Amino acid sequence: MSSPLPRHVAPLMAGLLGLGCAGHASRTEGARDALDAGRPKEALALLNEELGVDSPKQQPDDLSGDDALLLLDRSMVLQQLGRYSLSSADLQAADKAIDLLDLSRGTADDIGKYLFSDDTGPYKAPPYEKLLINTMNMVNYLVRHDLNGARVEARRLAVMQQYLKEHEGQGAALTGPGSYLAGFAFEKSGRADEALRYYDEALQYGDYRSLHPVVRRMTGSSGYRSPRIRKILETPAVSESGAALEAPGRSRAQAFREPRRRPTPTPYFAVEVDEGAQPPAPPPQEAEQSPAAKAGEAKIPETRKKSRTEIPSRQRPKPTELLVVINYGRVPAKYAQRIPIGLALTWAAGHMPPGKAAEANRLAAQGLVTWINYPALGKPRGQYDVPEFSIDGEPAPLEAAIGIDLEARAAWKDAQGAVIGAAITRMISRVVAGEVARTAAGRDSIWGILLSLGTQATLTAADTPDTRSWAMLPARMAIGRKLVRPGVHDVTLGARGNYRAAKITLEEGGWAVLNLTVLN
């Protein structure tokens, strides 16, 4: 007759059986499916449910675990819905709660110390995600005409940029669009020197042709110069109307083609303005418009010709300008995958101490382990789509500002070996834990054998690969910038089959920023 189960074994097995976890990817799967189906409001409701709140105006009291990451996801859904102030609140809260992942200083060894799962600790964002928190929040502030908030985010971005410069430039390519928006914020604040410094940084990482005429215009009021700015000043000037922004023969990857059709505008979308912010001047009432103004609206082409003739750009004290930011598609999400131990050892070569690698090979040779659980990267959405931008029915140029999906893929390739090495380290810990349990219960007893197998099986089930990432980031960002005549304009933005239209009124020297975010 076998001996009864030792009193210390039962609670141990019960505790182990309660450790299983479905992982972060399963928590956002429903929201991602809703976005794919074009139902962002449903995605918002599902994220609120995961956060344990009833309204997007609420945030969890404790942002430990995955909740800070869920706030990042919710912020982008709110941006798609045009709720920019709430999106800003989520981005600010998450930014304070999320640390930066640094794989350059022994992090592989630290990750390997996890016994059960990489997703048990606080989430640490790769550099590109930390950069984009500030970049996306600048969009939220600029749309609301809040230059003070945009400048604060620009300075936070500068701190992160400096960190990246000191750490081998990880994610540095994503500095471009953030610096572009930061330069715009300081330019419209009347701070030419700071604006040119940010524009110079943007030009370091991308050939933003829309900045060339801006730089020429601003050098008259600023003494800041750099090799890139001098090169622009030495090249022949192009029109600020935008006609020369798309050079013939440029590839699809370098520039967007003009829209092939003029979409029927969908209902206008509202722009939020926070209390305390300085909004643009409201549109004049129809009754207050003079007959000449009404005639000008009815004959836009003639008005444009007159404005170019009567008001040369060199005589304008300030340009009347429109900036648009289109975010579309979605970066690849992580998912749990199992791979053979032999392949895992090959991928993790160079990311494990020699002793651990030898021990893993020995256990694999004995047949004690055959598979490794690790997080893999899925496919992006919408990376081949072409966004659209038109003003008063006329197509306007767009520039491909950033390929976020490409940076996500590159960041994952850099970390893949360390992550798989950590998975193998945890596998070794599971086998050792099984042997310890077997010894505690008696190596030759039935309870010792069962407990050893149960411990290893339960730890394998509990070993959930870390599938956490900012999965609701757009795959691509496009920027359009155009000088316009003062007055009323109809603007249409489109991407991924979604269109939004806005009627804006700009006084001479005024400006506006419009955004379309589509995450399907």
Foldseek 3Di string as FASTA:
>chain_A
DFDDDDPVQVVVLVVLLPLFDPADCVLQVVLLVCLVVVNLVVSLCSLCVSQVHDDLQDGDPDCFQCRLLSLLLNLQSCVQVQVLVSSLVSLVVSLVQEAADDPPPPVLVVLLPDQFASRPGGHHAYLQVNLVSLLVNLLSCQQQQFLVSNLVSLVVNVVSLVVCVVRVNQNVLSLQSSLQSNLVSCVLVVNLVSSVVSNVSNVVNAPQVLCLVVLVVSVVPDVDDDVVSVVSVPDDDDDNQQPPRDDPPDDCVWFFDADPDQDDADDADDHDHDPPGDGDDDADDPVPDDPVQVVCVVPVVVVVVVCCVVPPPVNAPFFEKEKEKEFAWWAWFKDKDKDFLVVLLVLLVPSAPPVLSVVLVVCVVVVVDTIFIAIDTDHITQPSWGKWKDKQRHTHTKGFSDQVNVSVVVVCSVCVNSRSNSRSSSLVSQQVVLQVQLVVRDVPGPSSNVSSVSSSVSSRSSHHHNRDDSGQGGRTMMMTMRGDDAAWMWMWIGIPHDIHIHIDGGDGNHYHYYYRYRHD
